[in-house]
mmCIF file of all heavy atoms, coordinates in Angstrom:
data_MODEL
# 
_entry.id   MODEL 
# 
loop_
_atom_site.group_PDB 
_atom_site.id 
_atom_site.type_symbol 
_atom_site.label_atom_id 
_atom_site.label_alt_id 
_atom_site.label_comp_id 
_atom_site.label_asym_id 
_atom_site.label_entity_id 
_atom_site.label_seq_id 
_atom_site.pdbx_PDB_ins_code 
_atom_site.Cartn_x 
_atom_site.Cartn_y 
_atom_site.Cartn_z 
_atom_site.occupancy 
_atom_site.B_iso_or_equiv 
_atom_site.pdbx_formal_charge 
_atom_site.auth_seq_id 
_atom_site.auth_comp_id 
_atom_site.auth_asym_id 
_atom_site.auth_atom_id 
_atom_site.pdbx_PDB_model_num 
ATOM 1   N N   . ALA A 1 1  ? 43.971 -98.304  -83.014 1.00 0.00 ? 1  ALA A N   1 
ATOM 2   C CA  . ALA A 1 1  ? 43.541 -98.447  -81.622 1.00 0.00 ? 1  ALA A CA  1 
ATOM 3   C C   . ALA A 1 1  ? 42.072 -98.864  -81.580 1.00 0.00 ? 1  ALA A C   1 
ATOM 4   O O   . ALA A 1 1  ? 41.212 -98.183  -82.142 1.00 0.00 ? 1  ALA A O   1 
ATOM 5   C CB  . ALA A 1 1  ? 43.737 -97.146  -80.859 1.00 0.00 ? 1  ALA A CB  1 
ATOM 6   N N   . ILE A 1 2  ? 41.813 -99.987  -80.943 1.00 0.00 ? 2  ILE A N   1 
ATOM 7   C CA  . ILE A 1 2  ? 40.433 -100.439 -80.749 1.00 0.00 ? 2  ILE A CA  1 
ATOM 8   C C   . ILE A 1 2  ? 40.009 -100.021 -79.348 1.00 0.00 ? 2  ILE A C   1 
ATOM 9   O O   . ILE A 1 2  ? 40.639 -100.400 -78.351 1.00 0.00 ? 2  ILE A O   1 
ATOM 10  C CB  . ILE A 1 2  ? 40.316 -101.967 -80.907 1.00 0.00 ? 2  ILE A CB  1 
ATOM 11  C CG1 . ILE A 1 2  ? 40.755 -102.387 -82.317 1.00 0.00 ? 2  ILE A CG1 1 
ATOM 12  C CG2 . ILE A 1 2  ? 38.877 -102.427 -80.631 1.00 0.00 ? 2  ILE A CG2 1 
ATOM 13  C CD1 . ILE A 1 2  ? 40.912 -103.883 -82.489 1.00 0.00 ? 2  ILE A CD1 1 
ATOM 14  N N   . ILE A 1 3  ? 38.950 -99.231  -79.274 1.00 0.00 ? 3  ILE A N   1 
ATOM 15  C CA  . ILE A 1 3  ? 38.447 -98.731  -77.988 1.00 0.00 ? 3  ILE A CA  1 
ATOM 16  C C   . ILE A 1 3  ? 37.052 -99.314  -77.787 1.00 0.00 ? 3  ILE A C   1 
ATOM 17  O O   . ILE A 1 3  ? 36.107 -98.946  -78.479 1.00 0.00 ? 3  ILE A O   1 
ATOM 18  C CB  . ILE A 1 3  ? 38.389 -97.193  -77.973 1.00 0.00 ? 3  ILE A CB  1 
ATOM 19  C CG1 . ILE A 1 3  ? 39.777 -96.605  -78.306 1.00 0.00 ? 3  ILE A CG1 1 
ATOM 20  C CG2 . ILE A 1 3  ? 37.895 -96.684  -76.631 1.00 0.00 ? 3  ILE A CG2 1 
ATOM 21  C CD1 . ILE A 1 3  ? 39.749 -95.124  -78.612 1.00 0.00 ? 3  ILE A CD1 1 
ATOM 22  N N   . SER A 1 4  ? 36.944 -100.265 -76.865 1.00 0.00 ? 4  SER A N   1 
ATOM 23  C CA  . SER A 1 4  ? 35.670 -100.969 -76.703 1.00 0.00 ? 4  SER A CA  1 
ATOM 24  C C   . SER A 1 4  ? 35.540 -101.581 -75.322 1.00 0.00 ? 4  SER A C   1 
ATOM 25  O O   . SER A 1 4  ? 36.538 -101.955 -74.687 1.00 0.00 ? 4  SER A O   1 
ATOM 26  C CB  . SER A 1 4  ? 35.563 -102.080 -77.764 1.00 0.00 ? 4  SER A CB  1 
ATOM 27  O OG  . SER A 1 4  ? 34.346 -102.780 -77.656 1.00 0.00 ? 4  SER A OG  1 
ATOM 28  N N   . SER A 1 5  ? 34.305 -101.707 -74.859 1.00 0.00 ? 5  SER A N   1 
ATOM 29  C CA  . SER A 1 5  ? 34.012 -102.453 -73.631 1.00 0.00 ? 5  SER A CA  1 
ATOM 30  C C   . SER A 1 5  ? 33.697 -103.901 -73.998 1.00 0.00 ? 5  SER A C   1 
ATOM 31  O O   . SER A 1 5  ? 33.596 -104.762 -73.131 1.00 0.00 ? 5  SER A O   1 
ATOM 32  C CB  . SER A 1 5  ? 32.809 -101.844 -72.905 1.00 0.00 ? 5  SER A CB  1 
ATOM 33  O OG  . SER A 1 5  ? 31.641 -101.998 -73.697 1.00 0.00 ? 5  SER A OG  1 
ATOM 34  N N   . TYR A 1 6  ? 33.527 -104.145 -75.319 1.00 0.00 ? 6  TYR A N   1 
ATOM 35  C CA  . TYR A 1 6  ? 33.184 -105.456 -75.877 1.00 0.00 ? 6  TYR A CA  1 
ATOM 36  C C   . TYR A 1 6  ? 31.834 -105.959 -75.356 1.00 0.00 ? 6  TYR A C   1 
ATOM 37  O O   . TYR A 1 6  ? 31.585 -107.161 -75.313 1.00 0.00 ? 6  TYR A O   1 
ATOM 38  C CB  . TYR A 1 6  ? 34.300 -106.485 -75.598 1.00 0.00 ? 6  TYR A CB  1 
ATOM 39  C CG  . TYR A 1 6  ? 35.621 -106.061 -76.207 1.00 0.00 ? 6  TYR A CG  1 
ATOM 40  C CD1 . TYR A 1 6  ? 36.575 -105.401 -75.435 1.00 0.00 ? 6  TYR A CD1 1 
ATOM 41  C CD2 . TYR A 1 6  ? 35.902 -106.280 -77.545 1.00 0.00 ? 6  TYR A CD2 1 
ATOM 42  C CE1 . TYR A 1 6  ? 37.778 -104.989 -75.989 1.00 0.00 ? 6  TYR A CE1 1 
ATOM 43  C CE2 . TYR A 1 6  ? 37.108 -105.871 -78.118 1.00 0.00 ? 6  TYR A CE2 1 
ATOM 44  C CZ  . TYR A 1 6  ? 38.034 -105.221 -77.325 1.00 0.00 ? 6  TYR A CZ  1 
ATOM 45  O OH  . TYR A 1 6  ? 39.218 -104.814 -77.881 1.00 0.00 ? 6  TYR A OH  1 
ATOM 46  N N   . LYS A 1 7  ? 30.993 -105.016 -74.983 1.00 0.00 ? 7  LYS A N   1 
ATOM 47  C CA  . LYS A 1 7  ? 29.642 -105.367 -74.553 1.00 0.00 ? 7  LYS A CA  1 
ATOM 48  C C   . LYS A 1 7  ? 28.663 -105.014 -75.660 1.00 0.00 ? 7  LYS A C   1 
ATOM 49  O O   . LYS A 1 7  ? 28.830 -104.014 -76.347 1.00 0.00 ? 7  LYS A O   1 
ATOM 50  C CB  . LYS A 1 7  ? 29.286 -104.613 -73.263 1.00 0.00 ? 7  LYS A CB  1 
ATOM 51  C CG  . LYS A 1 7  ? 30.121 -105.060 -72.068 1.00 0.00 ? 7  LYS A CG  1 
ATOM 52  C CD  . LYS A 1 7  ? 29.777 -104.260 -70.827 1.00 0.00 ? 7  LYS A CD  1 
ATOM 53  C CE  . LYS A 1 7  ? 30.612 -104.724 -69.642 1.00 0.00 ? 7  LYS A CE  1 
ATOM 54  N NZ  . LYS A 1 7  ? 30.375 -103.906 -68.425 1.00 0.00 ? 7  LYS A NZ  1 
ATOM 55  N N   . PHE A 1 8  ? 27.666 -105.839 -75.821 1.00 0.00 ? 8  PHE A N   1 
ATOM 56  C CA  . PHE A 1 8  ? 26.672 -105.605 -76.871 1.00 0.00 ? 8  PHE A CA  1 
ATOM 57  C C   . PHE A 1 8  ? 25.999 -104.238 -76.721 1.00 0.00 ? 8  PHE A C   1 
ATOM 58  O O   . PHE A 1 8  ? 25.669 -103.807 -75.609 1.00 0.00 ? 8  PHE A O   1 
ATOM 59  C CB  . PHE A 1 8  ? 25.586 -106.680 -76.837 1.00 0.00 ? 8  PHE A CB  1 
ATOM 60  C CG  . PHE A 1 8  ? 26.038 -108.019 -77.367 1.00 0.00 ? 8  PHE A CG  1 
ATOM 61  C CD1 . PHE A 1 8  ? 25.266 -109.153 -77.162 1.00 0.00 ? 8  PHE A CD1 1 
ATOM 62  C CD2 . PHE A 1 8  ? 27.217 -108.152 -78.094 1.00 0.00 ? 8  PHE A CD2 1 
ATOM 63  C CE1 . PHE A 1 8  ? 25.664 -110.386 -77.664 1.00 0.00 ? 8  PHE A CE1 1 
ATOM 64  C CE2 . PHE A 1 8  ? 27.624 -109.375 -78.603 1.00 0.00 ? 8  PHE A CE2 1 
ATOM 65  C CZ  . PHE A 1 8  ? 26.852 -110.497 -78.376 1.00 0.00 ? 8  PHE A CZ  1 
ATOM 66  N N   . PHE A 1 9  ? 25.825 -103.606 -77.888 1.00 0.00 ? 9  PHE A N   1 
ATOM 67  C CA  . PHE A 1 9  ? 25.105 -102.338 -78.024 1.00 0.00 ? 9  PHE A CA  1 
ATOM 68  C C   . PHE A 1 9  ? 25.815 -101.141 -77.390 1.00 0.00 ? 9  PHE A C   1 
ATOM 69  O O   . PHE A 1 9  ? 25.235 -100.075 -77.254 1.00 0.00 ? 9  PHE A O   1 
ATOM 70  C CB  . PHE A 1 9  ? 23.666 -102.466 -77.492 1.00 0.00 ? 9  PHE A CB  1 
ATOM 71  C CG  . PHE A 1 9  ? 22.957 -103.678 -78.015 1.00 0.00 ? 9  PHE A CG  1 
ATOM 72  C CD1 . PHE A 1 9  ? 22.548 -104.689 -77.158 1.00 0.00 ? 9  PHE A CD1 1 
ATOM 73  C CD2 . PHE A 1 9  ? 22.747 -103.833 -79.381 1.00 0.00 ? 9  PHE A CD2 1 
ATOM 74  C CE1 . PHE A 1 9  ? 21.906 -105.824 -77.651 1.00 0.00 ? 9  PHE A CE1 1 
ATOM 75  C CE2 . PHE A 1 9  ? 22.104 -104.959 -79.876 1.00 0.00 ? 9  PHE A CE2 1 
ATOM 76  C CZ  . PHE A 1 9  ? 21.691 -105.958 -79.022 1.00 0.00 ? 9  PHE A CZ  1 
ATOM 77  N N   . ARG A 1 10 ? 27.092 -101.332 -77.003 1.00 0.00 ? 10 ARG A N   1 
ATOM 78  C CA  . ARG A 1 10 ? 27.909 -100.207 -76.547 1.00 0.00 ? 10 ARG A CA  1 
ATOM 79  C C   . ARG A 1 10 ? 28.793 -99.757  -77.710 1.00 0.00 ? 10 ARG A C   1 
ATOM 80  O O   . ARG A 1 10 ? 29.195 -100.566 -78.536 1.00 0.00 ? 10 ARG A O   1 
ATOM 81  C CB  . ARG A 1 10 ? 28.795 -100.620 -75.367 1.00 0.00 ? 10 ARG A CB  1 
ATOM 82  C CG  . ARG A 1 10 ? 28.010 -101.084 -74.146 1.00 0.00 ? 10 ARG A CG  1 
ATOM 83  C CD  . ARG A 1 10 ? 27.489 -99.904  -73.353 1.00 0.00 ? 10 ARG A CD  1 
ATOM 84  N NE  . ARG A 1 10 ? 26.778 -100.344 -72.153 1.00 0.00 ? 10 ARG A NE  1 
ATOM 85  C CZ  . ARG A 1 10 ? 27.367 -100.571 -70.991 1.00 0.00 ? 10 ARG A CZ  1 
ATOM 86  N NH1 . ARG A 1 10 ? 28.680 -100.427 -70.874 1.00 0.00 ? 10 ARG A NH1 1 
ATOM 87  N NH2 . ARG A 1 10 ? 26.661 -100.958 -69.948 1.00 0.00 ? 10 ARG A NH2 1 
ATOM 88  N N   . ARG A 1 11 ? 29.081 -98.499  -77.776 1.00 0.00 ? 11 ARG A N   1 
ATOM 89  C CA  . ARG A 1 11 ? 29.890 -97.958  -78.865 1.00 0.00 ? 11 ARG A CA  1 
ATOM 90  C C   . ARG A 1 11 ? 31.320 -98.496  -78.863 1.00 0.00 ? 11 ARG A C   1 
ATOM 91  O O   . ARG A 1 11 ? 31.985 -98.485  -77.827 1.00 0.00 ? 11 ARG A O   1 
ATOM 92  C CB  . ARG A 1 11 ? 29.903 -96.428  -78.796 1.00 0.00 ? 11 ARG A CB  1 
ATOM 93  C CG  . ARG A 1 11 ? 30.924 -95.741  -79.665 1.00 0.00 ? 11 ARG A CG  1 
ATOM 94  C CD  . ARG A 1 11 ? 30.540 -95.757  -81.140 1.00 0.00 ? 11 ARG A CD  1 
ATOM 95  N NE  . ARG A 1 11 ? 29.527 -94.750  -81.420 1.00 0.00 ? 11 ARG A NE  1 
ATOM 96  C CZ  . ARG A 1 11 ? 28.950 -94.601  -82.618 1.00 0.00 ? 11 ARG A CZ  1 
ATOM 97  N NH1 . ARG A 1 11 ? 29.288 -95.402  -83.595 1.00 0.00 ? 11 ARG A NH1 1 
ATOM 98  N NH2 . ARG A 1 11 ? 28.052 -93.664  -82.815 1.00 0.00 ? 11 ARG A NH2 1 
ATOM 99  N N   . THR A 1 12 ? 31.762 -98.966  -80.005 1.00 0.00 ? 12 THR A N   1 
ATOM 100 C CA  . THR A 1 12 ? 33.159 -99.364  -80.211 1.00 0.00 ? 12 THR A CA  1 
ATOM 101 C C   . THR A 1 12 ? 33.755 -98.436  -81.252 1.00 0.00 ? 12 THR A C   1 
ATOM 102 O O   . THR A 1 12 ? 33.109 -98.125  -82.259 1.00 0.00 ? 12 THR A O   1 
ATOM 103 C CB  . THR A 1 12 ? 33.263 -100.823 -80.704 1.00 0.00 ? 12 THR A CB  1 
ATOM 104 O OG1 . THR A 1 12 ? 32.894 -101.702 -79.634 1.00 0.00 ? 12 THR A OG1 1 
ATOM 105 C CG2 . THR A 1 12 ? 34.678 -101.166 -81.147 1.00 0.00 ? 12 THR A CG2 1 
ATOM 106 N N   . ARG A 1 13 ? 34.981 -97.988  -81.003 1.00 0.00 ? 13 ARG A N   1 
ATOM 107 C CA  . ARG A 1 13 ? 35.649 -97.130  -81.980 1.00 0.00 ? 13 ARG A CA  1 
ATOM 108 C C   . ARG A 1 13 ? 36.956 -97.774  -82.435 1.00 0.00 ? 13 ARG A C   1 
ATOM 109 O O   . ARG A 1 13 ? 37.692 -98.326  -81.612 1.00 0.00 ? 13 ARG A O   1 
ATOM 110 C CB  . ARG A 1 13 ? 35.929 -95.749  -81.385 1.00 0.00 ? 13 ARG A CB  1 
ATOM 111 C CG  . ARG A 1 13 ? 34.677 -94.871  -81.299 1.00 0.00 ? 13 ARG A CG  1 
ATOM 112 C CD  . ARG A 1 13 ? 34.879 -93.726  -80.344 1.00 0.00 ? 13 ARG A CD  1 
ATOM 113 N NE  . ARG A 1 13 ? 35.019 -94.209  -78.962 1.00 0.00 ? 13 ARG A NE  1 
ATOM 114 C CZ  . ARG A 1 13 ? 35.250 -93.427  -77.935 1.00 0.00 ? 13 ARG A CZ  1 
ATOM 115 N NH1 . ARG A 1 13 ? 35.386 -92.128  -78.113 1.00 0.00 ? 13 ARG A NH1 1 
ATOM 116 N NH2 . ARG A 1 13 ? 35.369 -93.915  -76.717 1.00 0.00 ? 13 ARG A NH2 1 
ATOM 117 N N   . VAL A 1 14 ? 37.193 -97.681  -83.713 1.00 0.00 ? 14 VAL A N   1 
ATOM 118 C CA  . VAL A 1 14 ? 38.440 -98.168  -84.296 1.00 0.00 ? 14 VAL A CA  1 
ATOM 119 C C   . VAL A 1 14 ? 39.139 -96.944  -84.880 1.00 0.00 ? 14 VAL A C   1 
ATOM 120 O O   . VAL A 1 14 ? 38.671 -96.365  -85.865 1.00 0.00 ? 14 VAL A O   1 
ATOM 121 C CB  . VAL A 1 14 ? 38.183 -99.233  -85.382 1.00 0.00 ? 14 VAL A CB  1 
ATOM 122 C CG1 . VAL A 1 14 ? 39.498 -99.735  -85.962 1.00 0.00 ? 14 VAL A CG1 1 
ATOM 123 C CG2 . VAL A 1 14 ? 37.360 -100.394 -84.819 1.00 0.00 ? 14 VAL A CG2 1 
ATOM 124 N N   . VAL A 1 15 ? 40.236 -96.541  -84.235 1.00 0.00 ? 15 VAL A N   1 
ATOM 125 C CA  . VAL A 1 15 ? 40.931 -95.314  -84.634 1.00 0.00 ? 15 VAL A CA  1 
ATOM 126 C C   . VAL A 1 15 ? 42.179 -95.673  -85.426 1.00 0.00 ? 15 VAL A C   1 
ATOM 127 O O   . VAL A 1 15 ? 43.047 -96.397  -84.941 1.00 0.00 ? 15 VAL A O   1 
ATOM 128 C CB  . VAL A 1 15 ? 41.314 -94.461  -83.404 1.00 0.00 ? 15 VAL A CB  1 
ATOM 129 C CG1 . VAL A 1 15 ? 41.895 -93.121  -83.848 1.00 0.00 ? 15 VAL A CG1 1 
ATOM 130 C CG2 . VAL A 1 15 ? 40.111 -94.253  -82.485 1.00 0.00 ? 15 VAL A CG2 1 
ATOM 131 N N   . ILE A 1 16 ? 42.255 -95.171  -86.649 1.00 0.00 ? 16 ILE A N   1 
ATOM 132 C CA  . ILE A 1 16 ? 43.377 -95.463  -87.547 1.00 0.00 ? 16 ILE A CA  1 
ATOM 133 C C   . ILE A 1 16 ? 44.306 -94.256  -87.596 1.00 0.00 ? 16 ILE A C   1 
ATOM 134 O O   . ILE A 1 16 ? 43.883 -93.137  -87.901 1.00 0.00 ? 16 ILE A O   1 
ATOM 135 C CB  . ILE A 1 16 ? 42.864 -95.806  -88.959 1.00 0.00 ? 16 ILE A CB  1 
ATOM 136 C CG1 . ILE A 1 16 ? 41.918 -97.012  -88.885 1.00 0.00 ? 16 ILE A CG1 1 
ATOM 137 C CG2 . ILE A 1 16 ? 44.035 -96.098  -89.907 1.00 0.00 ? 16 ILE A CG2 1 
ATOM 138 C CD1 . ILE A 1 16 ? 41.108 -97.245  -90.145 1.00 0.00 ? 16 ILE A CD1 1 
ATOM 139 N N   . GLY A 1 17 ? 45.564 -94.471  -87.263 1.00 0.00 ? 17 GLY A N   1 
ATOM 140 C CA  . GLY A 1 17 ? 46.540 -93.383  -87.249 1.00 0.00 ? 17 GLY A CA  1 
ATOM 141 C C   . GLY A 1 17 ? 47.315 -93.264  -88.547 1.00 0.00 ? 17 GLY A C   1 
ATOM 142 O O   . GLY A 1 17 ? 47.173 -94.092  -89.459 1.00 0.00 ? 17 GLY A O   1 
ATOM 143 N N   . LYS A 1 18 ? 48.132 -92.246  -88.639 1.00 0.00 ? 18 LYS A N   1 
ATOM 144 C CA  . LYS A 1 18 ? 48.960 -92.033  -89.829 1.00 0.00 ? 18 LYS A CA  1 
ATOM 145 C C   . LYS A 1 18 ? 50.061 -93.095  -89.892 1.00 0.00 ? 18 LYS A C   1 
ATOM 146 O O   . LYS A 1 18 ? 50.600 -93.509  -88.851 1.00 0.00 ? 18 LYS A O   1 
ATOM 147 C CB  . LYS A 1 18 ? 49.578 -90.633  -89.798 1.00 0.00 ? 18 LYS A CB  1 
ATOM 148 C CG  . LYS A 1 18 ? 48.543 -89.520  -89.951 1.00 0.00 ? 18 LYS A CG  1 
ATOM 149 C CD  . LYS A 1 18 ? 49.199 -88.150  -89.910 1.00 0.00 ? 18 LYS A CD  1 
ATOM 150 C CE  . LYS A 1 18 ? 48.135 -87.056  -90.076 1.00 0.00 ? 18 LYS A CE  1 
ATOM 151 N NZ  . LYS A 1 18 ? 48.726 -85.697  -90.008 1.00 0.00 ? 18 LYS A NZ  1 
ATOM 152 N N   . PRO A 1 19 ? 50.412 -93.537  -91.102 1.00 0.00 ? 19 PRO A N   1 
ATOM 153 C CA  . PRO A 1 19 ? 51.462 -94.552  -91.244 1.00 0.00 ? 19 PRO A CA  1 
ATOM 154 C C   . PRO A 1 19 ? 52.779 -94.117  -90.610 1.00 0.00 ? 19 PRO A C   1 
ATOM 155 O O   . PRO A 1 19 ? 53.171 -92.954  -90.687 1.00 0.00 ? 19 PRO A O   1 
ATOM 156 C CB  . PRO A 1 19 ? 51.603 -94.704  -92.764 1.00 0.00 ? 19 PRO A CB  1 
ATOM 157 C CG  . PRO A 1 19 ? 50.288 -94.252  -93.314 1.00 0.00 ? 19 PRO A CG  1 
ATOM 158 C CD  . PRO A 1 19 ? 49.826 -93.159  -92.403 1.00 0.00 ? 19 PRO A CD  1 
ATOM 159 N N   . VAL A 1 20 ? 53.429 -95.076  -89.968 1.00 0.00 ? 20 VAL A N   1 
ATOM 160 C CA  . VAL A 1 20 ? 54.733 -94.845  -89.348 1.00 0.00 ? 20 VAL A CA  1 
ATOM 161 C C   . VAL A 1 20 ? 55.808 -95.411  -90.266 1.00 0.00 ? 20 VAL A C   1 
ATOM 162 O O   . VAL A 1 20 ? 55.773 -96.593  -90.623 1.00 0.00 ? 20 VAL A O   1 
ATOM 163 C CB  . VAL A 1 20 ? 54.814 -95.533  -87.966 1.00 0.00 ? 20 VAL A CB  1 
ATOM 164 C CG1 . VAL A 1 20 ? 56.199 -95.344  -87.360 1.00 0.00 ? 20 VAL A CG1 1 
ATOM 165 C CG2 . VAL A 1 20 ? 53.728 -95.008  -87.038 1.00 0.00 ? 20 VAL A CG2 1 
ATOM 166 N N   . GLU A 1 21 ? 56.729 -94.571  -90.676 1.00 0.00 ? 21 GLU A N   1 
ATOM 167 C CA  . GLU A 1 21 ? 57.830 -95.005  -91.541 1.00 0.00 ? 21 GLU A CA  1 
ATOM 168 C C   . GLU A 1 21 ? 59.053 -95.317  -90.677 1.00 0.00 ? 21 GLU A C   1 
ATOM 169 O O   . GLU A 1 21 ? 59.414 -94.536  -89.801 1.00 0.00 ? 21 GLU A O   1 
ATOM 170 C CB  . GLU A 1 21 ? 58.168 -93.905  -92.554 1.00 0.00 ? 21 GLU A CB  1 
ATOM 171 C CG  . GLU A 1 21 ? 57.017 -93.516  -93.492 1.00 0.00 ? 21 GLU A CG  1 
ATOM 172 C CD  . GLU A 1 21 ? 56.763 -94.544  -94.590 1.00 0.00 ? 21 GLU A CD  1 
ATOM 173 O OE1 . GLU A 1 21 ? 57.599 -95.460  -94.745 1.00 0.00 ? 21 GLU A OE1 1 
ATOM 174 O OE2 . GLU A 1 21 ? 55.737 -94.424  -95.279 1.00 0.00 ? 21 GLU A OE2 1 
ATOM 175 N N   . LEU A 1 22 ? 59.678 -96.442  -90.957 1.00 0.00 ? 22 LEU A N   1 
ATOM 176 C CA  . LEU A 1 22 ? 60.870 -96.845  -90.202 1.00 0.00 ? 22 LEU A CA  1 
ATOM 177 C C   . LEU A 1 22 ? 62.109 -96.844  -91.083 1.00 0.00 ? 22 LEU A C   1 
ATOM 178 O O   . LEU A 1 22 ? 63.059 -97.596  -90.849 1.00 0.00 ? 22 LEU A O   1 
ATOM 179 C CB  . LEU A 1 22 ? 60.648 -98.239  -89.597 1.00 0.00 ? 22 LEU A CB  1 
ATOM 180 C CG  . LEU A 1 22 ? 59.464 -98.360  -88.623 1.00 0.00 ? 22 LEU A CG  1 
ATOM 181 C CD1 . LEU A 1 22 ? 59.246 -99.808  -88.228 1.00 0.00 ? 22 LEU A CD1 1 
ATOM 182 C CD2 . LEU A 1 22 ? 59.689 -97.499  -87.381 1.00 0.00 ? 22 LEU A CD2 1 
ATOM 183 N N   . ALA A 1 23 ? 62.108 -95.963  -92.096 1.00 0.00 ? 23 ALA A N   1 
ATOM 184 C CA  . ALA A 1 23 ? 63.185 -95.921  -93.087 1.00 0.00 ? 23 ALA A CA  1 
ATOM 185 C C   . ALA A 1 23 ? 64.565 -95.704  -92.475 1.00 0.00 ? 23 ALA A C   1 
ATOM 186 O O   . ALA A 1 23 ? 65.573 -96.162  -93.029 1.00 0.00 ? 23 ALA A O   1 
ATOM 187 C CB  . ALA A 1 23 ? 62.894 -94.824  -94.122 1.00 0.00 ? 23 ALA A CB  1 
ATOM 188 N N   . GLU A 1 24 ? 64.617 -95.027  -91.333 1.00 0.00 ? 24 GLU A N   1 
ATOM 189 C CA  . GLU A 1 24 ? 65.922 -94.756  -90.703 1.00 0.00 ? 24 GLU A CA  1 
ATOM 190 C C   . GLU A 1 24 ? 66.642 -96.036  -90.267 1.00 0.00 ? 24 GLU A C   1 
ATOM 191 O O   . GLU A 1 24 ? 67.859 -96.027  -90.043 1.00 0.00 ? 24 GLU A O   1 
ATOM 192 C CB  . GLU A 1 24 ? 65.742 -93.835  -89.495 1.00 0.00 ? 24 GLU A CB  1 
ATOM 193 C CG  . GLU A 1 24 ? 64.909 -94.444  -88.381 1.00 0.00 ? 24 GLU A CG  1 
ATOM 194 C CD  . GLU A 1 24 ? 64.553 -93.451  -87.285 1.00 0.00 ? 24 GLU A CD  1 
ATOM 195 O OE1 . GLU A 1 24 ? 65.453 -93.110  -86.495 1.00 0.00 ? 24 GLU A OE1 1 
ATOM 196 O OE2 . GLU A 1 24 ? 63.384 -93.030  -87.250 1.00 0.00 ? 24 GLU A OE2 1 
ATOM 197 N N   . TYR A 1 25 ? 65.879 -97.140  -90.183 1.00 0.00 ? 25 TYR A N   1 
ATOM 198 C CA  . TYR A 1 25 ? 66.479 -98.407  -89.743 1.00 0.00 ? 25 TYR A CA  1 
ATOM 199 C C   . TYR A 1 25 ? 66.770 -99.366  -90.900 1.00 0.00 ? 25 TYR A C   1 
ATOM 200 O O   . TYR A 1 25 ? 67.366 -100.417 -90.679 1.00 0.00 ? 25 TYR A O   1 
ATOM 201 C CB  . TYR A 1 25 ? 65.551 -99.113  -88.749 1.00 0.00 ? 25 TYR A CB  1 
ATOM 202 C CG  . TYR A 1 25 ? 65.236 -98.280  -87.537 1.00 0.00 ? 25 TYR A CG  1 
ATOM 203 C CD1 . TYR A 1 25 ? 63.979 -97.677  -87.388 1.00 0.00 ? 25 TYR A CD1 1 
ATOM 204 C CD2 . TYR A 1 25 ? 66.177 -98.071  -86.533 1.00 0.00 ? 25 TYR A CD2 1 
ATOM 205 C CE1 . TYR A 1 25 ? 63.675 -96.905  -86.276 1.00 0.00 ? 25 TYR A CE1 1 
ATOM 206 C CE2 . TYR A 1 25 ? 65.882 -97.298  -85.414 1.00 0.00 ? 25 TYR A CE2 1 
ATOM 207 C CZ  . TYR A 1 25 ? 64.630 -96.728  -85.294 1.00 0.00 ? 25 TYR A CZ  1 
ATOM 208 O OH  . TYR A 1 25 ? 64.333 -95.967  -84.185 1.00 0.00 ? 25 TYR A OH  1 
ATOM 209 N N   . TYR A 1 26 ? 66.324 -99.017  -92.108 1.00 0.00 ? 26 TYR A N   1 
ATOM 210 C CA  . TYR A 1 26 ? 66.506 -99.928  -93.240 1.00 0.00 ? 26 TYR A CA  1 
ATOM 211 C C   . TYR A 1 26 ? 67.992 -100.198 -93.476 1.00 0.00 ? 26 TYR A C   1 
ATOM 212 O O   . TYR A 1 26 ? 68.820 -99.276  -93.474 1.00 0.00 ? 26 TYR A O   1 
ATOM 213 C CB  . TYR A 1 26 ? 65.901 -99.352  -94.519 1.00 0.00 ? 26 TYR A CB  1 
ATOM 214 C CG  . TYR A 1 26 ? 64.383 -99.209  -94.507 1.00 0.00 ? 26 TYR A CG  1 
ATOM 215 C CD1 . TYR A 1 26 ? 63.729 -98.517  -95.525 1.00 0.00 ? 26 TYR A CD1 1 
ATOM 216 C CD2 . TYR A 1 26 ? 63.616 -99.746  -93.481 1.00 0.00 ? 26 TYR A CD2 1 
ATOM 217 C CE1 . TYR A 1 26 ? 62.342 -98.380  -95.520 1.00 0.00 ? 26 TYR A CE1 1 
ATOM 218 C CE2 . TYR A 1 26 ? 62.238 -99.605  -93.471 1.00 0.00 ? 26 TYR A CE2 1 
ATOM 219 C CZ  . TYR A 1 26 ? 61.608 -98.917  -94.493 1.00 0.00 ? 26 TYR A CZ  1 
ATOM 220 O OH  . TYR A 1 26 ? 60.232 -98.775  -94.482 1.00 0.00 ? 26 TYR A OH  1 
# 
């Protein structure tokens, strides 16, 4: 998830979540 106003000098956060496994559909 990218959380940003895309304005200079404002805080941007890049949040990385846990991997999602889709093995039930293989």
